[in-house]
């Protein structure tokens, strides 16, 4: 008999404990929520992200049923926090991807290896570029196939907001706010402790204590009375309010939102102008890029309109313009002038 046994393949064992799984989930959550790790979870950023979600999810989609409200909201949040969003095109609909890697040729993606989140654990698939909808904003010329988040393009502003808010949180947690020092004559420690406890629960009452101006036992004490000294830090000298306001305004502008929208003195016209600015100069341009990607991958003419559902236009101005156009066309018809030629003279096309 042959004395040697055939070598058996070693079975690889891996740990699936709760600790390791929790660490992996926390790492993935940090990656998904924001690559930079600063400022993404502040109220200012989340309010901007909510405006992006609400505005883009209301867009009118023509040419496909795949871009429903839920997918539009997911796209808006991913674009705001990561700068890009990726969906697999399947017969059942669009499948959102949590992570991906790609291969390019001539700076254009040709294949993707994507990770799809599932309730019982994610899975990985490989797909061609034609099977994937890849939306991205803020792409750089050195890497046009990757998008960049608005906060990544404004790292100093996001970092300043995060540092100021952290400093304020530490001040309100550790600083002796509302504390005072009251001078008192020499006395045992037990008497001072009992006196300090006597001030508790007397808010709004009148406290009667013995004055420090005494002249017993050989001479007068220093001529000072009960004058408390406040220990609360003076934050106005550090310009925390101005720094916080400047950082918030800069982050609003990075997301395409006029800072006046968050002002306490904002009026109705300013709110409408801020909404028009966000819809016209930010969301509509993103919708146009998304429409081009969908048209290229889905093989149909697809359009996304944000302006109409958000009513991001001057209704009164449009009504007056329409009235003037109708009157001008009627006058051109009466005088025998071709309206098409008249519109070309003022460079007014479709």
C-alpha atoms as a PDB file:
ATOM      1  CA  UNK A   1       0.000   0.000   0.000  1.00  0.00           C
ATOM      2  CA  UNK A   2       1.153   3.515  -0.826  1.00  0.00           C
ATOM      3  CA  UNK A   3       2.213   5.085   2.505  1.00  0.00           C
ATOM      4  CA  UNK A   4       1.287   8.628   1.635  1.00  0.00           C
ATOM      5  CA  UNK A   5      -2.171  10.091   1.669  1.00  0.00           C
ATOM      6  CA  UNK A   6      -3.395  12.611  -0.801  1.00  0.00           C
ATOM      7  CA  UNK A   7      -3.097  16.121   0.537  1.00  0.00           C
ATOM      8  CA  UNK A   8      -6.443  17.560   1.506  1.00  0.00           C
ATOM      9  CA  UNK A   9      -7.361  21.134   0.702  1.00  0.00           C
ATOM     10  CA  UNK A  10      -7.536  23.301   3.779  1.00  0.00           C
ATOM     11  CA  UNK A  11     -10.951  24.673   4.538  1.00  0.00           C
ATOM     12  CA  UNK A  12     -10.909  28.408   5.078  1.00  0.00           C
ATOM     13  CA  UNK A  13     -12.906  29.533   8.081  1.00  0.00           C
ATOM     14  CA  UNK A  14     -13.954  33.079   8.739  1.00  0.00           C
ATOM     15  CA  UNK A  15     -15.378  34.771  11.764  1.00  0.00           C
ATOM     16  CA  UNK A  16     -18.898  36.154  11.514  1.00  0.00           C
ATOM     17  CA  UNK A  17     -19.265  37.525  15.004  1.00  0.00           C
ATOM     18  CA  UNK A  18     -21.374  40.511  15.874  1.00  0.00           C
ATOM     19  CA  UNK A  19     -18.351  42.656  16.641  1.00  0.00           C
ATOM     20  CA  UNK A  20     -16.726  42.250  13.232  1.00  0.00           C
ATOM     21  CA  UNK A  21     -20.057  42.622  11.463  1.00  0.00           C
ATOM     22  CA  UNK A  22     -20.834  45.785  13.413  1.00  0.00           C
ATOM     23  CA  UNK A  23     -17.472  47.277  12.455  1.00  0.00           C
ATOM     24  CA  UNK A  24     -18.033  46.520   8.780  1.00  0.00           C
ATOM     25  CA  UNK A  25     -21.524  48.032   8.865  1.00  0.00           C
ATOM     26  CA  UNK A  26     -20.219  51.149  10.618  1.00  0.00           C
ATOM     27  CA  UNK A  27     -17.469  51.523   8.028  1.00  0.00           C
ATOM     28  CA  UNK A  28     -19.930  51.156   5.154  1.00  0.00           C
ATOM     29  CA  UNK A  29     -22.330  53.638   6.761  1.00  0.00           C
ATOM     30  CA  UNK A  30     -19.511  56.173   7.124  1.00  0.00           C
ATOM     31  CA  UNK A  31     -18.530  55.686   3.472  1.00  0.00           C
ATOM     32  CA  UNK A  32     -22.090  56.015   2.221  1.00  0.00           C
ATOM     33  CA  UNK A  33     -22.990  59.040   4.356  1.00  0.00           C
ATOM     34  CA  UNK A  34     -20.008  61.045   3.155  1.00  0.00           C
ATOM     35  CA  UNK A  35     -16.450  60.529   2.020  1.00  0.00           C
ATOM     36  CA  UNK A  36     -14.974  63.532   3.771  1.00  0.00           C
ATOM     37  CA  UNK A  37     -16.319  62.722   7.230  1.00  0.00           C
ATOM     38  CA  UNK A  38     -16.809  66.347   8.353  1.00  0.00           C
ATOM     39  CA  UNK A  39     -19.924  68.429   8.248  1.00  0.00           C
ATOM     40  CA  UNK A  40     -22.121  65.817   6.574  1.00  0.00           C
ATOM     41  CA  UNK A  41     -24.294  65.301   9.632  1.00  0.00           C
ATOM     42  CA  UNK A  42     -24.836  68.939  10.577  1.00  0.00           C
ATOM     43  CA  UNK A  43     -28.258  70.517  10.350  1.00  0.00           C
ATOM     44  CA  UNK A  44     -27.096  72.937   7.645  1.00  0.00           C
ATOM     45  CA  UNK A  45     -25.966  70.173   5.300  1.00  0.00           C
ATOM     46  CA  UNK A  46     -28.998  67.997   5.945  1.00  0.00           C
ATOM     47  CA  UNK A  47     -31.337  70.903   5.193  1.00  0.00           C
ATOM     48  CA  UNK A  48     -29.575  71.410   1.849  1.00  0.00           C
ATOM     49  CA  UNK A  49     -29.779  67.686   1.112  1.00  0.00           C
ATOM     50  CA  UNK A  50     -33.494  67.705   1.944  1.00  0.00           C
ATOM     51  CA  UNK A  51     -34.068  70.553  -0.527  1.00  0.00           C
ATOM     52  CA  UNK A  52     -32.249  68.566  -3.212  1.00  0.00           C
ATOM     53  CA  UNK A  53     -34.312  65.462  -2.422  1.00  0.00           C
ATOM     54  CA  UNK A  54     -37.632  67.271  -2.441  1.00  0.00           C
ATOM     55  CA  UNK A  55     -36.888  69.262  -5.580  1.00  0.00           C
ATOM     56  CA  UNK A  56     -35.506  66.441  -7.714  1.00  0.00           C
ATOM     57  CA  UNK A  57     -38.113  63.891  -6.613  1.00  0.00           C
ATOM     58  CA  UNK A  58     -40.879  66.151  -7.965  1.00  0.00           C
ATOM     59  CA  UNK A  59     -39.363  66.357 -11.450  1.00  0.00           C
ATOM     60  CA  UNK A  60     -41.534  65.541 -14.452  1.00  0.00           C
ATOM     61  CA  UNK A  61     -40.032  62.505 -16.208  1.00  0.00           C
ATOM     62  CA  UNK A  62     -40.934  61.900 -19.856  1.00  0.00           C
ATOM     63  CA  UNK A  63     -39.930  58.803 -21.821  1.00  0.00           C
ATOM     64  CA  UNK A  64     -39.458  56.171 -19.099  1.00  0.00           C
ATOM     65  CA  UNK A  65     -41.109  54.682 -16.024  1.00  0.00           C
ATOM     66  CA  UNK A  66     -37.862  53.588 -14.348  1.00  0.00           C
ATOM     67  CA  UNK A  67     -37.146  56.960 -12.754  1.00  0.00           C
ATOM     68  CA  UNK A  68     -39.866  56.976 -10.130  1.00  0.00           C
ATOM     69  CA  UNK A  69     -40.029  59.320  -7.140  1.00  0.00           C
ATOM     70  CA  UNK A  70     -38.126  56.980  -4.860  1.00  0.00           C
ATOM     71  CA  UNK A  71     -35.213  56.557  -7.247  1.00  0.00           C
ATOM     72  CA  UNK A  72     -35.078  60.294  -7.876  1.00  0.00           C
ATOM     73  CA  UNK A  73     -34.881  60.969  -4.129  1.00  0.00           C
ATOM     74  CA  UNK A  74     -32.128  58.352  -3.717  1.00  0.00           C
ATOM     75  CA  UNK A  75     -30.238  59.929  -6.595  1.00  0.00           C
ATOM     76  CA  UNK A  76     -30.510  63.411  -5.128  1.00  0.00           C
ATOM     77  CA  UNK A  77     -29.228  62.336  -1.703  1.00  0.00           C
ATOM     78  CA  UNK A  78     -26.357  60.335  -3.164  1.00  0.00           C
ATOM     79  CA  UNK A  79     -25.353  63.205  -5.447  1.00  0.00           C
ATOM     80  CA  UNK A  80     -25.453  65.674  -2.579  1.00  0.00           C
ATOM     81  CA  UNK A  81     -23.333  63.570  -0.212  1.00  0.00           C
ATOM     82  CA  UNK A  82     -21.129  61.555  -2.591  1.00  0.00           C
ATOM     83  CA  UNK A  83     -21.280  63.389  -5.885  1.00  0.00           C
ATOM     84  CA  UNK A  84     -22.410  60.326  -7.832  1.00  0.00           C
ATOM     85  CA  UNK A  85     -25.154  57.702  -7.894  1.00  0.00           C
ATOM     86  CA  UNK A  86     -25.268  54.349  -9.663  1.00  0.00           C
ATOM     87  CA  UNK A  87     -28.200  52.076 -10.571  1.00  0.00           C
ATOM     88  CA  UNK A  88     -28.346  48.710 -12.291  1.00  0.00           C
ATOM     89  CA  UNK A  89     -30.947  48.502 -15.058  1.00  0.00           C
ATOM     90  CA  UNK A  90     -33.038  45.366 -14.616  1.00  0.00           C
ATOM     91  CA  UNK A  91     -36.426  44.206 -15.890  1.00  0.00           C
ATOM     92  CA  UNK A  92     -37.925  44.780 -12.450  1.00  0.00           C
ATOM     93  CA  UNK A  93     -36.614  48.345 -12.298  1.00  0.00           C
ATOM     94  CA  UNK A  94     -33.548  50.233 -11.175  1.00  0.00           C
ATOM     95  CA  UNK A  95     -31.409  48.583  -8.488  1.00  0.00           C
ATOM     96  CA  UNK A  96     -29.439  51.062  -6.336  1.00  0.00           C
ATOM     97  CA  UNK A  97     -25.778  50.171  -5.723  1.00  0.00           C
ATOM     98  CA  UNK A  98     -23.966  51.027  -2.507  1.00  0.00           C
ATOM     99  CA  UNK A  99     -20.434  50.649  -3.855  1.00  0.00           C
ATOM    100  CA  UNK A 100     -18.782  50.051  -7.206  1.00  0.00           C
ATOM    101  CA  UNK A 101     -15.551  49.737  -9.097  1.00  0.00           C
ATOM    102  CA  UNK A 102     -15.177  50.409 -12.801  1.00  0.00           C
ATOM    103  CA  UNK A 103     -12.965  49.911 -15.803  1.00  0.00           C
ATOM    104  CA  UNK A 104     -12.521  52.601 -18.446  1.00  0.00           C
ATOM    105  CA  UNK A 105     -11.286  53.107 -21.966  1.00  0.00           C
ATOM    106  CA  UNK A 106     -10.779  56.578 -23.416  1.00  0.00           C
ATOM    107  CA  UNK A 107     -11.963  57.931 -20.039  1.00  0.00           C
ATOM    108  CA  UNK A 108     -15.359  56.300 -20.551  1.00  0.00           C
ATOM    109  CA  UNK A 109     -16.556  53.433 -18.319  1.00  0.00           C
ATOM    110  CA  UNK A 110     -16.812  50.055 -20.038  1.00  0.00           C
ATOM    111  CA  UNK A 111     -17.583  47.651 -17.141  1.00  0.00           C
ATOM    112  CA  UNK A 112     -18.602  47.849 -13.494  1.00  0.00           C
ATOM    113  CA  UNK A 113     -18.253  45.605 -10.453  1.00  0.00           C
ATOM    114  CA  UNK A 114     -21.069  46.715  -8.164  1.00  0.00           C
ATOM    115  CA  UNK A 115     -22.139  45.882  -4.605  1.00  0.00           C
ATOM    116  CA  UNK A 116     -25.859  45.638  -3.907  1.00  0.00           C
ATOM    117  CA  UNK A 117     -27.204  45.899  -0.370  1.00  0.00           C
ATOM    118  CA  UNK A 118     -29.601  43.214   0.824  1.00  0.00           C
ATOM    119  CA  UNK A 119     -31.373  42.630   4.111  1.00  0.00           C
ATOM    120  CA  UNK A 120     -29.501  39.389   4.756  1.00  0.00           C
ATOM    121  CA  UNK A 121     -26.151  40.562   3.372  1.00  0.00           C
ATOM    122  CA  UNK A 122     -24.993  42.203   0.194  1.00  0.00           C
ATOM    123  CA  UNK A 123     -23.895  40.642  -3.078  1.00  0.00           C
ATOM    124  CA  UNK A 124     -21.534  41.610  -5.881  1.00  0.00           C
ATOM    125  CA  UNK A 125     -22.267  41.608  -9.595  1.00  0.00           C
ATOM    126  CA  UNK A 126     -20.414  42.482 -12.769  1.00  0.00           C
ATOM    127  CA  UNK A 127     -22.177  44.516 -15.431  1.00  0.00           C
ATOM    128  CA  UNK A 128     -21.352  46.274 -18.662  1.00  0.00           C
ATOM    129  CA  UNK A 129     -21.577  50.037 -18.911  1.00  0.00           C
ATOM    130  CA  UNK A 130     -24.758  49.807 -20.993  1.00  0.00           C
ATOM    131  CA  UNK A 131     -26.505  48.081 -18.061  1.00  0.00           C
ATOM    132  CA  UNK A 132     -25.681  50.841 -15.593  1.00  0.00           C
ATOM    133  CA  UNK A 133     -27.005  54.349 -15.019  1.00  0.00           C
ATOM    134  CA  UNK A 134     -24.108  56.339 -13.571  1.00  0.00           C
ATOM    135  CA  UNK A 135     -25.007  59.893 -12.533  1.00  0.00           C
ATOM    136  CA  UNK A 136     -22.171  62.174 -11.415  1.00  0.00           C
ATOM    137  CA  UNK A 137     -21.605  65.853 -10.750  1.00  0.00           C
ATOM    138  CA  UNK A 138     -18.465  67.912 -10.232  1.00  0.00           C
ATOM    139  CA  UNK A 139     -16.277  65.580 -12.301  1.00  0.00           C
ATOM    140  CA  UNK A 140     -12.638  66.580 -12.679  1.00  0.00           C
ATOM    141  CA  UNK A 141     -10.738  66.438 -15.940  1.00  0.00           C
ATOM    142  CA  UNK A 142      -8.195  64.060 -14.400  1.00  0.00           C
ATOM    143  CA  UNK A 143     -10.968  61.594 -13.496  1.00  0.00           C
ATOM    144  CA  UNK A 144     -14.124  62.391 -15.502  1.00  0.00           C
ATOM    145  CA  UNK A 145     -15.650  59.037 -14.558  1.00  0.00           C
ATOM    146  CA  UNK A 146     -15.849  59.971 -10.853  1.00  0.00           C
ATOM    147  CA  UNK A 147     -18.047  62.605  -9.246  1.00  0.00           C
ATOM    148  CA  UNK A 148     -17.197  64.868  -6.339  1.00  0.00           C
ATOM    149  CA  UNK A 149     -19.549  65.960  -3.578  1.00  0.00           C
ATOM    150  CA  UNK A 150     -20.163  69.666  -2.931  1.00  0.00           C
ATOM    151  CA  UNK A 151     -18.595  69.399   0.515  1.00  0.00           C
ATOM    152  CA  UNK A 152     -15.466  67.845  -0.940  1.00  0.00           C
ATOM    153  CA  UNK A 153     -15.123  70.908  -3.136  1.00  0.00           C
ATOM    154  CA  UNK A 154     -15.458  73.140  -0.046  1.00  0.00           C
ATOM    155  CA  UNK A 155     -13.389  71.320   2.565  1.00  0.00           C
ATOM    156  CA  UNK A 156     -12.335  74.447   4.452  1.00  0.00           C
ATOM    157  CA  UNK A 157     -15.918  75.635   4.853  1.00  0.00           C
ATOM    158  CA  UNK A 158     -17.209  72.267   6.027  1.00  0.00           C
ATOM    159  CA  UNK A 159     -14.262  71.887   8.377  1.00  0.00           C
ATOM    160  CA  UNK A 160     -14.817  75.353   9.842  1.00  0.00           C
ATOM    161  CA  UNK A 161     -18.491  74.616  10.475  1.00  0.00           C
ATOM    162  CA  UNK A 162     -17.659  71.312  12.125  1.00  0.00           C
ATOM    163  CA  UNK A 163     -14.922  72.828  14.317  1.00  0.00           C
ATOM    164  CA  UNK A 164     -17.084  75.760  15.453  1.00  0.00           C
ATOM    165  CA  UNK A 165     -20.062  73.523  16.278  1.00  0.00           C
ATOM    166  CA  UNK A 166     -17.803  71.091  18.151  1.00  0.00           C
ATOM    167  CA  UNK A 167     -16.245  73.938  20.114  1.00  0.00           C
ATOM    168  CA  UNK A 168     -19.660  75.330  21.022  1.00  0.00           C
ATOM    169  CA  UNK A 169     -20.837  71.882  22.116  1.00  0.00           C
ATOM    170  CA  UNK A 170     -17.802  71.500  24.380  1.00  0.00           C
ATOM    171  CA  UNK A 171     -18.332  74.973  25.829  1.00  0.00           C
ATOM    172  CA  UNK A 172     -21.963  74.297  26.720  1.00  0.00           C
ATOM    173  CA  UNK A 173     -20.983  70.929  28.193  1.00  0.00           C
ATOM    174  CA  UNK A 174     -17.922  71.856  30.249  1.00  0.00           C
ATOM    175  CA  UNK A 175     -17.882  75.633  30.751  1.00  0.00           C
ATOM    176  CA  UNK A 176     -19.213  77.037  34.081  1.00  0.00           C
ATOM    177  CA  UNK A 177     -22.204  78.762  32.485  1.00  0.00           C
ATOM    178  CA  UNK A 178     -24.188  80.797  35.020  1.00  0.00           C
ATOM    179  CA  UNK A 179     -21.665  80.195  37.791  1.00  0.00           C
ATOM    180  CA  UNK A 180     -20.494  83.029  40.070  1.00  0.00           C
ATOM    181  CA  UNK A 181     -17.854  83.592  42.720  1.00  0.00           C
ATOM    182  CA  UNK A 182     -19.023  85.454  45.848  1.00  0.00           C
ATOM    183  CA  UNK A 183     -16.389  86.770  48.309  1.00  0.00           C
ATOM    184  CA  UNK A 184     -16.879  85.672  51.931  1.00  0.00           C
ATOM    185  CA  UNK A 185     -14.820  86.134  55.094  1.00  0.00           C
ATOM    186  CA  UNK A 186     -12.570  83.430  56.411  1.00  0.00           C
ATOM    187  CA  UNK A 187     -14.674  80.473  57.504  1.00  0.00           C
ATOM    188  CA  UNK A 188     -14.286  76.694  57.792  1.00  0.00           C
ATOM    189  CA  UNK A 189     -14.833  74.592  54.715  1.00  0.00           C
ATOM    190  CA  UNK A 190     -17.951  73.032  56.189  1.00  0.00           C
ATOM    191  CA  UNK A 191     -19.541  76.462  56.653  1.00  0.00           C
ATOM    192  CA  UNK A 192     -18.712  77.468  53.075  1.00  0.00           C
ATOM    193  CA  UNK A 193     -20.211  74.223  51.755  1.00  0.00           C
ATOM    194  CA  UNK A 194     -23.381  74.721  53.778  1.00  0.00           C
ATOM    195  CA  UNK A 195     -23.622  78.327  52.540  1.00  0.00           C
ATOM    196  CA  UNK A 196     -23.225  77.235  48.915  1.00  0.00           C
ATOM    197  CA  UNK A 197     -25.939  74.619  49.322  1.00  0.00           C
ATOM    198  CA  UNK A 198     -28.210  77.257  50.817  1.00  0.00           C
ATOM    199  CA  UNK A 199     -28.392  79.045  47.455  1.00  0.00           C
ATOM    200  CA  UNK A 200     -29.976  76.065  45.708  1.00  0.00           C
ATOM    201  CA  UNK A 201     -33.659  76.221  45.008  1.00  0.00           C
ATOM    202  CA  UNK A 202     -33.934  79.965  45.737  1.00  0.00           C
ATOM    203  CA  UNK A 203     -34.399  81.186  42.205  1.00  0.00           C
ATOM    204  CA  UNK A 204     -36.357  84.429  42.245  1.00  0.00           C
ATOM    205  CA  UNK A 205     -36.243  84.758  46.048  1.00  0.00           C
ATOM    206  CA  UNK A 206     -34.492  87.296  48.231  1.00  0.00           C
ATOM    207  CA  UNK A 207     -31.357  86.014  49.946  1.00  0.00           C
ATOM    208  CA  UNK A 208     -30.369  87.668  53.246  1.00  0.00           C
ATOM    209  CA  UNK A 209     -26.787  87.013  54.330  1.00  0.00           C
ATOM    210  CA  UNK A 210     -24.367  88.760  56.688  1.00  0.00           C
ATOM    211  CA  UNK A 211     -22.213  91.409  55.040  1.00  0.00           C
ATOM    212  CA  UNK A 212     -18.448  91.077  54.904  1.00  0.00           C
ATOM    213  CA  UNK A 213     -18.025  94.628  56.247  1.00  0.00           C
ATOM    214  CA  UNK A 214     -17.307  93.747  59.887  1.00  0.00           C
ATOM    215  CA  UNK A 215     -15.239  95.603  62.487  1.00  0.00           C
ATOM    216  CA  UNK A 216     -14.875  93.089  65.271  1.00  0.00           C
ATOM    217  CA  UNK A 217     -11.867  91.380  66.888  1.00  0.00           C
ATOM    218  CA  UNK A 218      -9.276  94.099  66.460  1.00  0.00           C
ATOM    219  CA  UNK A 219     -10.026  95.924  63.220  1.00  0.00           C
ATOM    220  CA  UNK A 220     -12.132  96.258  60.100  1.00  0.00           C
ATOM    221  CA  UNK A 221     -12.103  93.742  57.281  1.00  0.00           C
ATOM    222  CA  UNK A 222     -11.419  94.803  53.671  1.00  0.00           C
ATOM    223  CA  UNK A 223     -14.079  97.234  52.500  1.00  0.00           C
ATOM    224  CA  UNK A 224     -15.939  95.050  50.066  1.00  0.00           C
ATOM    225  CA  UNK A 225     -19.440  93.717  50.024  1.00  0.00           C
ATOM    226  CA  UNK A 226     -21.228  90.888  48.301  1.00  0.00           C
ATOM    227  CA  UNK A 227     -20.303  91.487  44.659  1.00  0.00           C
ATOM    228  CA  UNK A 228     -20.513  88.254  42.648  1.00  0.00           C
ATOM    229  CA  UNK A 229     -18.152  87.724  39.714  1.00  0.00           C
ATOM    230  CA  UNK A 230     -19.551  85.825  36.745  1.00  0.00           C
ATOM    231  CA  UNK A 231     -17.529  82.880  35.409  1.00  0.00           C
ATOM    232  CA  UNK A 232     -19.438  82.428  32.146  1.00  0.00           C
ATOM    233  CA  UNK A 233     -17.050  82.696  29.162  1.00  0.00           C
ATOM    234  CA  UNK A 234     -17.528  85.656  26.828  1.00  0.00           C
ATOM    235  CA  UNK A 235     -17.937  83.989  23.420  1.00  0.00           C
ATOM    236  CA  UNK A 236     -18.588  87.268  21.607  1.00  0.00           C
ATOM    237  CA  UNK A 237     -14.872  88.119  21.633  1.00  0.00           C
ATOM    238  CA  UNK A 238     -14.020  84.907  19.785  1.00  0.00           C
ATOM    239  CA  UNK A 239     -16.507  85.820  16.976  1.00  0.00           C
ATOM    240  CA  UNK A 240     -18.148  82.402  17.066  1.00  0.00           C
ATOM    241  CA  UNK A 241     -21.479  83.792  15.862  1.00  0.00           C
ATOM    242  CA  UNK A 242     -19.904  85.466  12.836  1.00  0.00           C
ATOM    243  CA  UNK A 243     -17.776  82.435  12.009  1.00  0.00           C
ATOM    244  CA  UNK A 244     -20.755  80.100  12.289  1.00  0.00           C
ATOM    245  CA  UNK A 245     -22.922  82.320  10.084  1.00  0.00           C
ATOM    246  CA  UNK A 246     -20.186  82.668   7.453  1.00  0.00           C
ATOM    247  CA  UNK A 247     -19.607  78.910   7.334  1.00  0.00           C
ATOM    248  CA  UNK A 248     -23.327  78.195   7.025  1.00  0.00           C
ATOM    249  CA  UNK A 249     -23.778  80.765   4.254  1.00  0.00           C
ATOM    250  CA  UNK A 250     -20.818  79.326   2.340  1.00  0.00           C
ATOM    251  CA  UNK A 251     -22.215  75.787   2.586  1.00  0.00           C
ATOM    252  CA  UNK A 252     -25.598  77.008   1.365  1.00  0.00           C
ATOM    253  CA  UNK A 253     -23.911  78.582  -1.663  1.00  0.00           C
ATOM    254  CA  UNK A 254     -21.957  75.368  -2.336  1.00  0.00           C
ATOM    255  CA  UNK A 255     -25.264  73.506  -2.624  1.00  0.00           C
ATOM    256  CA  UNK A 256     -26.719  76.210  -4.856  1.00  0.00           C
ATOM    257  CA  UNK A 257     -29.001  77.723  -2.204  1.00  0.00           C
ATOM    258  CA  UNK A 258     -29.043  81.456  -1.592  1.00  0.00           C
ATOM    259  CA  UNK A 259     -28.032  82.190   2.038  1.00  0.00           C
ATOM    260  CA  UNK A 260     -30.974  84.574   2.370  1.00  0.00           C
ATOM    261  CA  UNK A 261     -33.309  81.582   2.485  1.00  0.00           C
ATOM    262  CA  UNK A 262     -32.022  80.693   5.970  1.00  0.00           C
ATOM    263  CA  UNK A 263     -32.055  84.263   7.274  1.00  0.00           C
ATOM    264  CA  UNK A 264     -34.443  85.164  10.074  1.00  0.00           C
ATOM    265  CA  UNK A 265     -35.369  88.371   8.217  1.00  0.00           C
ATOM    266  CA  UNK A 266     -36.325  86.627   4.972  1.00  0.00           C
ATOM    267  CA  UNK A 267     -39.462  87.830   3.226  1.00  0.00           C
ATOM    268  CA  UNK A 268     -41.730  86.130   0.711  1.00  0.00           C
ATOM    269  CA  UNK A 269     -40.068  87.492  -2.459  1.00  0.00           C
ATOM    270  CA  UNK A 270     -36.649  86.415  -1.194  1.00  0.00           C
ATOM    271  CA  UNK A 271     -37.908  82.899  -0.503  1.00  0.00           C
ATOM    272  CA  UNK A 272     -39.328  82.649  -4.026  1.00  0.00           C
ATOM    273  CA  UNK A 273     -36.084  83.942  -5.562  1.00  0.00           C
ATOM    274  CA  UNK A 274     -34.067  81.409  -3.551  1.00  0.00           C
ATOM    275  CA  UNK A 275     -36.340  78.608  -4.741  1.00  0.00           C
ATOM    276  CA  UNK A 276     -36.022  79.740  -8.362  1.00  0.00           C
ATOM    277  CA  UNK A 277     -32.252  79.965  -8.068  1.00  0.00           C
ATOM    278  CA  UNK A 278     -32.025  76.437  -6.631  1.00  0.00           C
ATOM    279  CA  UNK A 279     -34.345  74.961  -9.253  1.00  0.00           C
ATOM    280  CA  UNK A 280     -32.924  76.771 -12.276  1.00  0.00           C
ATOM    281  CA  UNK A 281     -29.190  76.927 -11.674  1.00  0.00           C
ATOM    282  CA  UNK A 282     -28.673  73.703  -9.702  1.00  0.00           C
ATOM    283  CA  UNK A 283     -31.428  71.094  -9.934  1.00  0.00           C
ATOM    284  CA  UNK A 284     -32.382  71.667 -13.571  1.00  0.00           C
ATOM    285  CA  UNK A 285     -28.766  71.338 -14.724  1.00  0.00           C
ATOM    286  CA  UNK A 286     -28.437  68.087 -12.756  1.00  0.00           C
ATOM    287  CA  UNK A 287     -31.708  66.872 -14.279  1.00  0.00           C
ATOM    288  CA  UNK A 288     -30.374  67.634 -17.783  1.00  0.00           C
ATOM    289  CA  UNK A 289     -27.239  65.561 -17.130  1.00  0.00           C
ATOM    290  CA  UNK A 290     -29.375  62.713 -15.792  1.00  0.00           C
ATOM    291  CA  UNK A 291     -31.633  62.892 -18.837  1.00  0.00           C
ATOM    292  CA  UNK A 292     -28.637  62.583 -21.176  1.00  0.00           C
ATOM    293  CA  UNK A 293     -27.372  59.521 -19.291  1.00  0.00           C
ATOM    294  CA  UNK A 294     -30.806  57.870 -19.382  1.00  0.00           C
ATOM    295  CA  UNK A 295     -31.247  58.657 -23.074  1.00  0.00           C
ATOM    296  CA  UNK A 296     -27.860  57.136 -23.859  1.00  0.00           C
ATOM    297  CA  UNK A 297     -28.417  53.954 -21.821  1.00  0.00           C
ATOM    298  CA  UNK A 298     -32.161  53.322 -22.232  1.00  0.00           C
ATOM    299  CA  UNK A 299     -32.394  54.058 -25.950  1.00  0.00           C
ATOM    300  CA  UNK A 300     -35.295  56.516 -25.777  1.00  0.00           C
ATOM    301  CA  UNK A 301     -35.615  60.269 -25.661  1.00  0.00           C
ATOM    302  CA  UNK A 302     -35.946  61.098 -21.963  1.00  0.00           C
ATOM    303  CA  UNK A 303     -36.406  64.530 -20.425  1.00  0.00           C
ATOM    304  CA  UNK A 304     -36.549  65.729 -16.811  1.00  0.00           C
ATOM    305  CA  UNK A 305     -38.212  69.016 -15.935  1.00  0.00           C
ATOM    306  CA  UNK A 306     -37.857  70.521 -12.466  1.00  0.00           C
ATOM    307  CA  UNK A 307     -39.090  74.038 -13.188  1.00  0.00           C
ATOM    308  CA  UNK A 308     -42.768  73.258 -13.825  1.00  0.00           C
ATOM    309  CA  UNK A 309     -43.590  71.083 -10.780  1.00  0.00           C
ATOM    310  CA  UNK A 310     -41.674  73.387  -8.426  1.00  0.00           C
ATOM    311  CA  UNK A 311     -43.406  76.454  -9.923  1.00  0.00           C
ATOM    312  CA  UNK A 312     -39.951  78.044  -9.993  1.00  0.00           C
ATOM    313  CA  UNK A 313     -40.917  80.972 -12.158  1.00  0.00           C
ATOM    314  CA  UNK A 314     -42.562  84.347 -11.838  1.00  0.00           C
ATOM    315  CA  UNK A 315     -46.250  83.609 -12.494  1.00  0.00           C
ATOM    316  CA  UNK A 316     -47.189  87.255 -12.887  1.00  0.00           C
ATOM    317  CA  UNK A 317     -44.277  87.943 -15.219  1.00  0.00           C
ATOM    318  CA  UNK A 318     -45.162  84.923 -17.346  1.00  0.00           C
ATOM    319  CA  UNK A 319     -48.766  86.041 -17.612  1.00  0.00           C
ATOM    320  CA  UNK A 320     -47.733  89.519 -18.729  1.00  0.00           C
ATOM    321  CA  UNK A 321     -45.224  88.072 -21.221  1.00  0.00           C
ATOM    322  CA  UNK A 322     -47.887  85.736 -22.640  1.00  0.00           C
ATOM    323  CA  UNK A 323     -50.304  88.618 -23.043  1.00  0.00           C
ATOM    324  CA  UNK A 324     -47.681  90.679 -24.851  1.00  0.00           C
ATOM    325  CA  UNK A 325     -46.765  87.762 -27.133  1.00  0.00           C
ATOM    326  CA  UNK A 326     -50.421  87.103 -28.065  1.00  0.00           C
ATOM    327  CA  UNK A 327     -51.003  90.773 -28.848  1.00  0.00           C
ATOM    328  CA  UNK A 328     -47.811  90.953 -30.915  1.00  0.00           C
ATOM    329  CA  UNK A 329     -48.713  87.835 -32.920  1.00  0.00           C
ATOM    330  CA  UNK A 330     -52.204  89.197 -33.583  1.00  0.00           C
ATOM    331  CA  UNK A 331     -50.734  92.511 -34.740  1.00  0.00           C
ATOM    332  CA  UNK A 332     -48.227  90.692 -36.982  1.00  0.00           C
ATOM    333  CA  UNK A 333     -51.056  88.696 -38.550  1.00  0.00           C
ATOM    334  CA  UNK A 334     -53.038  91.847 -39.248  1.00  0.00           C
ATOM    335  CA  UNK A 335     -50.087  93.642 -40.856  1.00  0.00           C
ATOM    336  CA  UNK A 336     -48.958  90.574 -42.826  1.00  0.00           C
ATOM    337  CA  UNK A 337     -45.602  90.112 -41.070  1.00  0.00           C
ATOM    338  CA  UNK A 338     -44.246  86.578 -40.714  1.00  0.00           C
ATOM    339  CA  UNK A 339     -44.067  85.835 -36.942  1.00  0.00           C
ATOM    340  CA  UNK A 340     -41.236  83.309 -37.443  1.00  0.00           C
ATOM    341  CA  UNK A 341     -38.972  85.915 -38.994  1.00  0.00           C
ATOM    342  CA  UNK A 342     -39.820  88.387 -36.244  1.00  0.00           C
ATOM    343  CA  UNK A 343     -38.895  85.832 -33.582  1.00  0.00           C
ATOM    344  CA  UNK A 344     -35.572  85.137 -35.307  1.00  0.00           C
ATOM    345  CA  UNK A 345     -34.704  88.842 -35.225  1.00  0.00           C
ATOM    346  CA  UNK A 346     -34.825  88.820 -31.434  1.00  0.00           C
ATOM    347  CA  UNK A 347     -33.148  85.386 -31.207  1.00  0.00           C
ATOM    348  CA  UNK A 348     -36.236  83.733 -29.718  1.00  0.00           C
ATOM    349  CA  UNK A 349     -36.364  80.094 -30.755  1.00  0.00           C
ATOM    350  CA  UNK A 350     -37.776  76.921 -29.345  1.00  0.00           C
END
